[in-house]
Structure formats: C-alpha cells, structure tokens
Amino acid sequence: MQALVREGILRGIRGPRGGYELARARQQVSAGDILRASGTAEAAVSGPASELMAKVVLPALSAAENEFAQALSRISIEEMALLAESANPHEAPKTPA
C-alpha cells in the first residue's frame, strides 16, 4: 500500500476510521499505474542464478511484462469499477473517491 501512496495513487487517511482512498479520480488511474508502483519481475530477482536466466529467461519475462504493462495502461480504475458495479447490480453503489 505504501508503494501506491508514494506513487500518488492512494492517499493515507489517519484516525480511528482511517485507511486509504484514491488520490486521483478513478479515470486517471490505470491498472498499469498500479503494476508500475508494485515493481517489476526483474527487480524481484536479486541476481540471475545462471547465464541462461540472465540471457534468456529475464529478457523474455521483461518483454512480456512490458507488453502486459502497456495493455494494463489502457484500463482505468473507472472502467474496472463500472464492470464491478454491472456484475453486482443489487449491491449499493460505493461513494466515488
């Protein structure tokens, strides 16, 4: 959660009823923003265990991650919220952030 706060996606709310809320409008936050805030697959590996890992596996994962990140950047939190609301039409709507 702190990574999302540092990237300006969430804002921390203090107090007994505290928590987190979106720091920007839902339309301005993409799934790709959240992915970037969480880090990358390559960053999760402290050091390649082998030459095969360094020269083949990590570059392939990095390329796939880049493609995935581009696709996620086209999906806004607003779109995901609307899909969730349409999937649960009988649930009371949440107050937008």
PDB file of N, CA and C in Angstrom:
ATOM      1  N   MET A   1       0.823  -1.184   0.000  1.00  0.00           N
ATOM      2  CA  MET A   1       0.000   0.000   0.000  1.00  0.00           C
ATOM      3  C   MET A   1       0.869   1.252   0.000  1.00  0.00           C
ATOM      4  N   GLN A   2       1.985   1.179   0.721  1.00  0.00           N
ATOM      5  CA  GLN A   2       2.850   2.355   0.787  1.00  0.00           C
ATOM      6  C   GLN A   2       3.438   2.697  -0.582  1.00  0.00           C
ATOM      7  N   ALA A   3       3.700   1.692  -1.402  1.00  0.00           N
ATOM      8  CA  ALA A   3       4.207   1.959  -2.757  1.00  0.00           C
ATOM      9  C   ALA A   3       3.164   2.738  -3.563  1.00  0.00           C
ATOM     10  N   LEU A   4       1.893   2.411  -3.368  1.00  0.00           N
ATOM     11  CA  LEU A   4       0.824   3.127  -4.068  1.00  0.00           C
ATOM     12  C   LEU A   4       0.696   4.563  -3.560  1.00  0.00           C
ATOM     13  N   VAL A   5       0.953   4.765  -2.288  1.00  0.00           N
ATOM     14  CA  VAL A   5       0.938   6.120  -1.720  1.00  0.00           C
ATOM     15  C   VAL A   5       2.109   6.919  -2.287  1.00  0.00           C
ATOM     16  N   ARG A   6       3.307   6.308  -2.310  1.00  0.00           N
ATOM     17  CA  ARG A   6       4.495   7.005  -2.838  1.00  0.00           C
ATOM     18  C   ARG A   6       4.306   7.400  -4.303  1.00  0.00           C
ATOM     19  N   GLU A   7       3.587   6.601  -5.069  1.00  0.00           N
ATOM     20  CA  GLU A   7       3.368   6.893  -6.484  1.00  0.00           C
ATOM     21  C   GLU A   7       2.189   7.838  -6.717  1.00  0.00           C
ATOM     22  N   GLY A   8       1.528   8.277  -5.620  1.00  0.00           N
ATOM     23  CA  GLY A   8       0.425   9.224  -5.754  1.00  0.00           C
ATOM     24  C   GLY A   8      -0.870   8.593  -6.224  1.00  0.00           C
ATOM     25  N   ILE A   9      -0.999   7.284  -6.063  1.00  0.00           N
ATOM     26  CA  ILE A   9      -2.221   6.587  -6.464  1.00  0.00           C
ATOM     27  C   ILE A   9      -3.216   6.560  -5.304  1.00  0.00           C
ATOM     28  N   LEU A  10      -2.707   6.311  -4.106  1.00  0.00           N
ATOM     29  CA  LEU A  10      -3.533   6.309  -2.899  1.00  0.00           C
ATOM     30  C   LEU A  10      -3.095   7.424  -1.972  1.00  0.00           C
ATOM     31  N   ARG A  11      -4.000   7.781  -1.074  1.00  0.00           N
ATOM     32  CA  ARG A  11      -3.718   8.756  -0.026  1.00  0.00           C
ATOM     33  C   ARG A  11      -4.111   8.090   1.287  1.00  0.00           C
ATOM     34  N   GLY A  12      -3.223   8.191   2.273  1.00  0.00           N
ATOM     35  CA  GLY A  12      -3.494   7.628   3.586  1.00  0.00           C
ATOM     36  C   GLY A  12      -4.408   8.533   4.389  1.00  0.00           C
ATOM     37  N   ILE A  13      -5.357   7.941   5.091  1.00  0.00           N
ATOM     38  CA  ILE A  13      -6.290   8.672   5.948  1.00  0.00           C
ATOM     39  C   ILE A  13      -5.999   8.252   7.389  1.00  0.00           C
ATOM     40  N   ARG A  14      -5.673   9.203   8.229  1.00  0.00           N
ATOM     41  CA  ARG A  14      -5.352   8.905   9.630  1.00  0.00           C
ATOM     42  C   ARG A  14      -6.623   8.883  10.479  1.00  0.00           C
ATOM     43  N   GLY A  15      -6.480   8.295  11.648  1.00  0.00           N
ATOM     44  CA  GLY A  15      -7.570   8.312  12.609  1.00  0.00           C
ATOM     45  C   GLY A  15      -8.237   6.966  12.768  1.00  0.00           C
ATOM     46  N   PRO A  16      -9.188   6.888  13.701  1.00  0.00           N
ATOM     47  CA  PRO A  16      -9.838   5.614  14.001  1.00  0.00           C
ATOM     48  C   PRO A  16     -10.631   5.056  12.811  1.00  0.00           C
ATOM     49  N   ARG A  17     -11.088   5.886  11.910  1.00  0.00           N
ATOM     50  CA  ARG A  17     -11.823   5.423  10.732  1.00  0.00           C
ATOM     51  C   ARG A  17     -10.943   5.565   9.487  1.00  0.00           C
ATOM     52  N   GLY A  18      -9.619   5.576   9.724  1.00  0.00           N
ATOM     53  CA  GLY A  18      -8.649   5.793   8.656  1.00  0.00           C
ATOM     54  C   GLY A  18      -8.528   4.611   7.717  1.00  0.00           C
ATOM     55  N   GLY A  19      -7.647   4.766   6.767  1.00  0.00           N
ATOM     56  CA  GLY A  19      -7.403   3.749   5.759  1.00  0.00           C
ATOM     57  C   GLY A  19      -6.769   4.404   4.558  1.00  0.00           C
ATOM     58  N   TYR A  20      -7.209   4.020   3.390  1.00  0.00           N
ATOM     59  CA  TYR A  20      -6.678   4.583   2.155  1.00  0.00           C
ATOM     60  C   TYR A  20      -7.821   4.938   1.224  1.00  0.00           C
ATOM     61  N   GLU A  21      -7.579   5.954   0.393  1.00  0.00           N
ATOM     62  CA  GLU A  21      -8.524   6.306  -0.660  1.00  0.00           C
ATOM     63  C   GLU A  21      -7.719   6.718  -1.888  1.00  0.00           C
ATOM     64  N   LEU A  22      -8.366   6.710  -3.043  1.00  0.00           N
ATOM     65  CA  LEU A  22      -7.680   7.124  -4.251  1.00  0.00           C
ATOM     66  C   LEU A  22      -7.251   8.580  -4.142  1.00  0.00           C
ATOM     67  N   ALA A  23      -6.048   8.861  -4.588  1.00  0.00           N
ATOM     68  CA  ALA A  23      -5.531  10.225  -4.546  1.00  0.00           C
ATOM     69  C   ALA A  23      -5.909  10.991  -5.810  1.00  0.00           C
ATOM     70  N   ARG A  24      -6.324  10.274  -6.838  1.00  0.00           N
ATOM     71  CA  ARG A  24      -6.745  10.888  -8.102  1.00  0.00           C
ATOM     72  C   ARG A  24      -8.094  10.309  -8.498  1.00  0.00           C
ATOM     73  N   ALA A  25      -8.728  10.927  -9.470  1.00  0.00           N
ATOM     74  CA  ALA A  25     -10.008  10.422  -9.977  1.00  0.00           C
ATOM     75  C   ALA A  25      -9.800   9.030 -10.567  1.00  0.00           C
ATOM     76  N   ARG A  26     -10.818   8.190 -10.480  1.00  0.00           N
ATOM     77  CA  ARG A  26     -10.719   6.817 -10.982  1.00  0.00           C
ATOM     78  C   ARG A  26     -10.319   6.770 -12.451  1.00  0.00           C
ATOM     79  N   GLN A  27     -10.742   7.756 -13.227  1.00  0.00           N
ATOM     80  CA  GLN A  27     -10.420   7.789 -14.647  1.00  0.00           C
ATOM     81  C   GLN A  27      -8.935   8.052 -14.891  1.00  0.00           C
ATOM     82  N   GLN A  28      -8.251   8.586 -13.901  1.00  0.00           N
ATOM     83  CA  GLN A  28      -6.854   8.978 -14.059  1.00  0.00           C
ATOM     84  C   GLN A  28      -5.868   7.951 -13.515  1.00  0.00           C
ATOM     85  N   VAL A  29      -6.371   6.821 -13.044  1.00  0.00           N
ATOM     86  CA  VAL A  29      -5.507   5.771 -12.513  1.00  0.00           C
ATOM     87  C   VAL A  29      -5.726   4.523 -13.357  1.00  0.00           C
ATOM     88  N   SER A  30      -4.643   3.999 -13.921  1.00  0.00           N
ATOM     89  CA  SER A  30      -4.776   2.792 -14.728  1.00  0.00           C
ATOM     90  C   SER A  30      -4.241   1.585 -13.960  1.00  0.00           C
ATOM     91  N   ALA A  31      -4.620   0.420 -14.432  1.00  0.00           N
ATOM     92  CA  ALA A  31      -4.084  -0.811 -13.858  1.00  0.00           C
ATOM     93  C   ALA A  31      -2.566  -0.837 -14.055  1.00  0.00           C
ATOM     94  N   GLY A  32      -2.089  -0.241 -15.149  1.00  0.00           N
ATOM     95  CA  GLY A  32      -0.649  -0.150 -15.392  1.00  0.00           C
ATOM     96  C   GLY A  32       0.064   0.689 -14.349  1.00  0.00           C
ATOM     97  N   ASP A  33      -0.585   1.763 -13.886  1.00  0.00           N
ATOM     98  CA  ASP A  33      -0.004   2.584 -12.814  1.00  0.00           C
ATOM     99  C   ASP A  33       0.224   1.736 -11.572  1.00  0.00           C
ATOM    100  N   ILE A  34      -0.736   0.890 -11.270  1.00  0.00           N
ATOM    101  CA  ILE A  34      -0.640   0.036 -10.085  1.00  0.00           C
ATOM    102  C   ILE A  34       0.472  -0.984 -10.267  1.00  0.00           C
ATOM    103  N   LEU A  35       0.578  -1.565 -11.463  1.00  0.00           N
ATOM    104  CA  LEU A  35       1.651  -2.516 -11.747  1.00  0.00           C
ATOM    105  C   LEU A  35       3.018  -1.856 -11.579  1.00  0.00           C
ATOM    106  N   ARG A  36       3.186  -0.665 -12.149  1.00  0.00           N
ATOM    107  CA  ARG A  36       4.479   0.033 -12.040  1.00  0.00           C
ATOM    108  C   ARG A  36       4.816   0.337 -10.581  1.00  0.00           C
ATOM    109  N   ALA A  37       3.823   0.710  -9.801  1.00  0.00           N
ATOM    110  CA  ALA A  37       4.073   1.016  -8.386  1.00  0.00           C
ATOM    111  C   ALA A  37       4.499  -0.222  -7.612  1.00  0.00           C
ATOM    112  N   SER A  38       4.041  -1.382  -8.051  1.00  0.00           N
ATOM    113  CA  SER A  38       4.360  -2.613  -7.328  1.00  0.00           C
ATOM    114  C   SER A  38       5.737  -3.158  -7.678  1.00  0.00           C
ATOM    115  N   GLY A  39       6.380  -2.635  -8.714  1.00  0.00           N
ATOM    116  CA  GLY A  39       7.717  -3.085  -9.096  1.00  0.00           C
ATOM    117  C   GLY A  39       7.656  -3.990 -10.308  1.00  0.00           C
ATOM    118  N   THR A  40       8.795  -4.526 -10.684  1.00  0.00           N
ATOM    119  CA  THR A  40       8.883  -5.370 -11.870  1.00  0.00           C
ATOM    120  C   THR A  40       9.352  -6.763 -11.510  1.00  0.00           C
ATOM    121  N   ALA A  41       9.141  -7.695 -12.416  1.00  0.00           N
ATOM    122  CA  ALA A  41       9.599  -9.066 -12.198  1.00  0.00           C
ATOM    123  C   ALA A  41      11.115  -9.108 -12.098  1.00  0.00           C
ATOM    124  N   GLU A  42      11.798  -8.332 -12.929  1.00  0.00           N
ATOM    125  CA  GLU A  42      13.257  -8.333 -12.915  1.00  0.00           C
ATOM    126  C   GLU A  42      13.783  -7.792 -11.595  1.00  0.00           C
ATOM    127  N   ALA A  43      13.127  -6.780 -11.047  1.00  0.00           N
ATOM    128  CA  ALA A  43      13.561  -6.212  -9.767  1.00  0.00           C
ATOM    129  C   ALA A  43      13.373  -7.209  -8.629  1.00  0.00           C
ATOM    130  N   ALA A  44      12.433  -8.135  -8.785  1.00  0.00           N
ATOM    131  CA  ALA A  44      12.165  -9.118  -7.735  1.00  0.00           C
ATOM    132  C   ALA A  44      13.269 -10.168  -7.651  1.00  0.00           C
ATOM    133  N   VAL A  45      14.049 -10.313  -8.704  1.00  0.00           N
ATOM    134  CA  VAL A  45      15.133 -11.291  -8.716  1.00  0.00           C
ATOM    135  C   VAL A  45      16.400 -10.587  -8.255  1.00  0.00           C
ATOM    136  N   SER A  46      16.985 -11.057  -7.149  1.00  0.00           N
ATOM    137  CA  SER A  46      18.151 -10.367  -6.590  1.00  0.00           C
ATOM    138  C   SER A  46      19.369 -10.478  -7.488  1.00  0.00           C
ATOM    139  N   GLY A  47      19.491 -11.529  -8.206  1.00  0.00           N
ATOM    140  CA  GLY A  47      20.608 -11.720  -9.123  1.00  0.00           C
ATOM    141  C   GLY A  47      20.380 -12.979  -9.911  1.00  0.00           C
ATOM    142  N   PRO A  48      20.644 -12.952 -11.202  1.00  0.00           N
ATOM    143  CA  PRO A  48      20.412 -14.147 -12.011  1.00  0.00           C
ATOM    144  C   PRO A  48      21.192 -15.343 -11.476  1.00  0.00           C
ATOM    145  N   ALA A  49      20.530 -16.480 -11.383  1.00  0.00           N
ATOM    146  CA  ALA A  49      21.144 -17.689 -10.857  1.00  0.00           C
ATOM    147  C   ALA A  49      22.038 -18.357 -11.895  1.00  0.00           C
ATOM    148  N   SER A  50      21.831 -18.048 -13.171  1.00  0.00           N
ATOM    149  CA  SER A  50      22.619 -18.682 -14.216  1.00  0.00           C
ATOM    150  C   SER A  50      22.693 -17.783 -15.442  1.00  0.00           C
ATOM    151  N   GLU A  51      23.574 -18.142 -16.357  1.00  0.00           N
ATOM    152  CA  GLU A  51      23.691 -17.399 -17.613  1.00  0.00           C
ATOM    153  C   GLU A  51      22.403 -17.532 -18.427  1.00  0.00           C
ATOM    154  N   LEU A  52      21.791 -18.709 -18.390  1.00  0.00           N
ATOM    155  CA  LEU A  52      20.517 -18.930 -19.093  1.00  0.00           C
ATOM    156  C   LEU A  52      19.443 -17.989 -18.545  1.00  0.00           C
ATOM    157  N   MET A  53      19.407 -17.873 -17.244  1.00  0.00           N
ATOM    158  CA  MET A  53      18.437 -16.979 -16.609  1.00  0.00           C
ATOM    159  C   MET A  53      18.687 -15.540 -17.045  1.00  0.00           C
ATOM    160  N   ALA A  54      19.945 -15.104 -17.018  1.00  0.00           N
ATOM    161  CA  ALA A  54      20.290 -13.726 -17.344  1.00  0.00           C
ATOM    162  C   ALA A  54      20.086 -13.401 -18.815  1.00  0.00           C
ATOM    163  N   LYS A  55      20.388 -14.329 -19.709  1.00  0.00           N
ATOM    164  CA  LYS A  55      20.367 -14.037 -21.138  1.00  0.00           C
ATOM    165  C   LYS A  55      19.082 -14.433 -21.850  1.00  0.00           C
ATOM    166  N   VAL A  56      18.321 -15.340 -21.254  1.00  0.00           N
ATOM    167  CA  VAL A  56      17.119 -15.821 -21.939  1.00  0.00           C
ATOM    168  C   VAL A  56      15.846 -15.558 -21.142  1.00  0.00           C
ATOM    169  N   VAL A  57      15.808 -16.060 -19.924  1.00  0.00           N
ATOM    170  CA  VAL A  57      14.572 -16.010 -19.144  1.00  0.00           C
ATOM    171  C   VAL A  57      14.200 -14.578 -18.753  1.00  0.00           C
ATOM    172  N   LEU A  58      15.136 -13.844 -18.136  1.00  0.00           N
ATOM    173  CA  LEU A  58      14.803 -12.483 -17.693  1.00  0.00           C
ATOM    174  C   LEU A  58      14.461 -11.552 -18.851  1.00  0.00           C
ATOM    175  N   PRO A  59      15.177 -11.575 -19.969  1.00  0.00           N
ATOM    176  CA  PRO A  59      14.758 -10.729 -21.091  1.00  0.00           C
ATOM    177  C   PRO A  59      13.365 -11.096 -21.620  1.00  0.00           C
ATOM    178  N   ALA A  60      13.054 -12.380 -21.673  1.00  0.00           N
ATOM    179  CA  ALA A  60      11.722 -12.799 -22.131  1.00  0.00           C
ATOM    180  C   ALA A  60      10.646 -12.335 -21.160  1.00  0.00           C
ATOM    181  N   LEU A  61      10.900 -12.486 -19.876  1.00  0.00           N
ATOM    182  CA  LEU A  61       9.941 -12.022 -18.868  1.00  0.00           C
ATOM    183  C   LEU A  61       9.791 -10.508 -18.916  1.00  0.00           C
ATOM    184  N   SER A  62      10.888  -9.814 -19.121  1.00  0.00           N
ATOM    185  CA  SER A  62      10.842  -8.357 -19.200  1.00  0.00           C
ATOM    186  C   SER A  62      10.012  -7.900 -20.395  1.00  0.00           C
ATOM    187  N   ALA A  63      10.197  -8.542 -21.544  1.00  0.00           N
ATOM    188  CA  ALA A  63       9.415  -8.191 -22.738  1.00  0.00           C
ATOM    189  C   ALA A  63       7.937  -8.464 -22.509  1.00  0.00           C
ATOM    190  N   ALA A  64       7.622  -9.603 -21.909  1.00  0.00           N
ATOM    191  CA  ALA A  64       6.228  -9.935 -21.622  1.00  0.00           C
ATOM    192  C   ALA A  64       5.635  -8.945 -20.624  1.00  0.00           C
ATOM    193  N   GLU A  65       6.423  -8.588 -19.631  1.00  0.00           N
ATOM    194  CA  GLU A  65       5.961  -7.631 -18.629  1.00  0.00           C
ATOM    195  C   GLU A  65       5.671  -6.270 -19.271  1.00  0.00           C
ATOM    196  N   ASN A  66       6.519  -5.847 -20.197  1.00  0.00           N
ATOM    197  CA  ASN A  66       6.295  -4.580 -20.890  1.00  0.00           C
ATOM    198  C   ASN A  66       5.003  -4.605 -21.697  1.00  0.00           C
ATOM    199  N   GLU A  67       4.758  -5.705 -22.408  1.00  0.00           N
ATOM    200  CA  GLU A  67       3.513  -5.838 -23.178  1.00  0.00           C
ATOM    201  C   GLU A  67       2.297  -5.815 -22.249  1.00  0.00           C
ATOM    202  N   PHE A  68       2.411  -6.531 -21.150  1.00  0.00           N
ATOM    203  CA  PHE A  68       1.322  -6.588 -20.173  1.00  0.00           C
ATOM    204  C   PHE A  68       1.077  -5.201 -19.577  1.00  0.00           C
ATOM    205  N   ALA A  69       2.151  -4.493 -19.253  1.00  0.00           N
ATOM    206  CA  ALA A  69       2.030  -3.151 -18.675  1.00  0.00           C
ATOM    207  C   ALA A  69       1.353  -2.203 -19.657  1.00  0.00           C
ATOM    208  N   GLN A  70       1.672  -2.308 -20.943  1.00  0.00           N
ATOM    209  CA  GLN A  70       1.027  -1.453 -21.943  1.00  0.00           C
ATOM    210  C   GLN A  70      -0.465  -1.746 -22.016  1.00  0.00           C
ATOM    211  N   ALA A  71      -0.827  -3.020 -21.972  1.00  0.00           N
ATOM    212  CA  ALA A  71      -2.247  -3.385 -22.004  1.00  0.00           C
ATOM    213  C   ALA A  71      -2.959  -2.863 -20.754  1.00  0.00           C
ATOM    214  N   LEU A  72      -2.335  -3.004 -19.601  1.00  0.00           N
ATOM    215  CA  LEU A  72      -2.947  -2.531 -18.359  1.00  0.00           C
ATOM    216  C   LEU A  72      -3.075  -1.017 -18.326  1.00  0.00           C
ATOM    217  N   SER A  73      -2.169  -0.314 -18.986  1.00  0.00           N
ATOM    218  CA  SER A  73      -2.232   1.146 -19.008  1.00  0.00           C
ATOM    219  C   SER A  73      -3.456   1.659 -19.748  1.00  0.00           C
ATOM    220  N   ARG A  74      -4.058   0.804 -20.552  1.00  0.00           N
ATOM    221  CA  ARG A  74      -5.261   1.200 -21.287  1.00  0.00           C
ATOM    222  C   ARG A  74      -6.544   0.926 -20.493  1.00  0.00           C
ATOM    223  N   ILE A  75      -6.415   0.352 -19.308  1.00  0.00           N
ATOM    224  CA  ILE A  75      -7.579   0.027 -18.472  1.00  0.00           C
ATOM    225  C   ILE A  75      -7.574   0.944 -17.253  1.00  0.00           C
ATOM    226  N   SER A  76      -8.598   1.788 -17.121  1.00  0.00           N
ATOM    227  CA  SER A  76      -8.657   2.693 -15.968  1.00  0.00           C
ATOM    228  C   SER A  76      -9.373   2.026 -14.800  1.00  0.00           C
ATOM    229  N   ILE A  77      -9.121   2.544 -13.628  1.00  0.00           N
ATOM    230  CA  ILE A  77      -9.822   2.069 -12.433  1.00  0.00           C
ATOM    231  C   ILE A  77     -11.321   2.331 -12.602  1.00  0.00           C
ATOM    232  N   GLU A  78     -11.665   3.433 -13.274  1.00  0.00           N
ATOM    233  CA  GLU A  78     -13.077   3.746 -13.542  1.00  0.00           C
ATOM    234  C   GLU A  78     -13.728   2.607 -14.325  1.00  0.00           C
ATOM    235  N   GLU A  79     -13.068   2.115 -15.372  1.00  0.00           N
ATOM    236  CA  GLU A  79     -13.620   1.013 -16.159  1.00  0.00           C
ATOM    237  C   GLU A  79     -13.798  -0.239 -15.302  1.00  0.00           C
ATOM    238  N   MET A  80     -12.804  -0.533 -14.472  1.00  0.00           N
ATOM    239  CA  MET A  80     -12.906  -1.712 -13.611  1.00  0.00           C
ATOM    240  C   MET A  80     -14.039  -1.557 -12.602  1.00  0.00           C
ATOM    241  N   ALA A  81     -14.210  -0.347 -12.068  1.00  0.00           N
ATOM    242  CA  ALA A  81     -15.293  -0.103 -11.107  1.00  0.00           C
ATOM    243  C   ALA A  81     -16.654  -0.269 -11.788  1.00  0.00           C
ATOM    244  N   LEU A  82     -16.787   0.244 -13.009  1.00  0.00           N
ATOM    245  CA  LEU A  82     -18.058   0.102 -13.735  1.00  0.00           C
ATOM    246  C   LEU A  82     -18.360  -1.361 -14.033  1.00  0.00           C
ATOM    247  N   LEU A  83     -17.330  -2.140 -14.391  1.00  0.00           N
ATOM    248  CA  LEU A  83     -17.533  -3.575 -14.615  1.00  0.00           C
ATOM    249  C   LEU A  83     -17.966  -4.274 -13.335  1.00  0.00           C
ATOM    250  N   ALA A  84     -17.345  -3.899 -12.221  1.00  0.00           N
ATOM    251  CA  ALA A  84     -17.711  -4.500 -10.933  1.00  0.00           C
ATOM    252  C   ALA A  84     -19.145  -4.150 -10.556  1.00  0.00           C
ATOM    253  N   GLU A  85     -19.525  -2.889 -10.796  1.00  0.00           N
ATOM    254  CA  GLU A  85     -20.892  -2.465 -10.474  1.00  0.00           C
ATOM    255  C   GLU A  85     -21.911  -3.188 -11.347  1.00  0.00           C
ATOM    256  N   SER A  86     -21.591  -3.399 -12.625  1.00  0.00           N
ATOM    257  CA  SER A  86     -22.537  -4.099 -13.504  1.00  0.00           C
ATOM    258  C   SER A  86     -22.605  -5.584 -13.168  1.00  0.00           C
ATOM    259  N   ALA A  87     -21.541  -6.139 -12.598  1.00  0.00           N
ATOM    260  CA  ALA A  87     -21.549  -7.545 -12.202  1.00  0.00           C
ATOM    261  C   ALA A  87     -22.357  -7.773 -10.928  1.00  0.00           C
ATOM    262  N   ASN A  88     -22.530  -6.721 -10.126  1.00  0.00           N
ATOM    263  CA  ASN A  88     -23.271  -6.791  -8.864  1.00  0.00           C
ATOM    264  C   ASN A  88     -24.348  -5.706  -8.849  1.00  0.00           C
ATOM    265  N   PRO A  89     -25.368  -5.802  -9.717  1.00  0.00           N
ATOM    266  CA  PRO A  89     -26.350  -4.721  -9.831  1.00  0.00           C
ATOM    267  C   PRO A  89     -27.189  -4.496  -8.578  1.00  0.00           C
ATOM    268  N   HIS A  90     -27.271  -5.487  -7.696  1.00  0.00           N
ATOM    269  CA  HIS A  90     -28.115  -5.353  -6.498  1.00  0.00           C
ATOM    270  C   HIS A  90     -27.342  -4.793  -5.303  1.00  0.00           C
ATOM    271  N   GLU A  91     -26.030  -4.637  -5.460  1.00  0.00           N
ATOM    272  CA  GLU A  91     -25.207  -4.101  -4.394  1.00  0.00           C
ATOM    273  C   GLU A  91     -25.282  -2.580  -4.417  1.00  0.00           C
ATOM    274  N   ALA A  92     -25.308  -1.949  -3.255  1.00  0.00           N
ATOM    275  CA  ALA A  92     -25.374  -0.493  -3.174  1.00  0.00           C
ATOM    276  C   ALA A  92     -24.112   0.108  -3.765  1.00  0.00           C
ATOM    277  N   PRO A  93     -24.223   1.172  -4.577  1.00  0.00           N
ATOM    278  CA  PRO A  93     -23.024   1.788  -5.157  1.00  0.00           C
ATOM    279  C   PRO A  93     -22.151   2.419  -4.090  1.00  0.00           C
ATOM    280  N   LYS A  94     -20.837   2.339  -4.291  1.00  0.00           N
ATOM    281  CA  LYS A  94     -19.868   2.926  -3.368  1.00  0.00           C
ATOM    282  C   LYS A  94     -19.691   4.399  -3.721  1.00  0.00           C
ATOM    283  N   THR A  95     -19.338   5.187  -2.725  1.00  0.00           N
ATOM    284  CA  THR A  95     -19.067   6.605  -2.953  1.00  0.00           C
ATOM    285  C   THR A  95     -17.766   6.717  -3.725  1.00  0.00           C
ATOM    286  N   PRO A  96     -17.762   7.407  -4.895  1.00  0.00           N
ATOM    287  CA  PRO A  96     -16.508   7.522  -5.659  1.00  0.00           C
ATOM    288  C   PRO A  96     -15.494   8.389  -4.933  1.00  0.00           C
ATOM    289  N   ALA A  97     -14.220   8.034  -5.134  1.00  0.00           N
ATOM    290  CA  ALA A  97     -13.133   8.792  -4.495  1.00  0.00           C
ATOM    291  C   ALA A  97     -12.788   9.993  -5.316  1.00  0.00           C
TER     292      ALA A  97
END
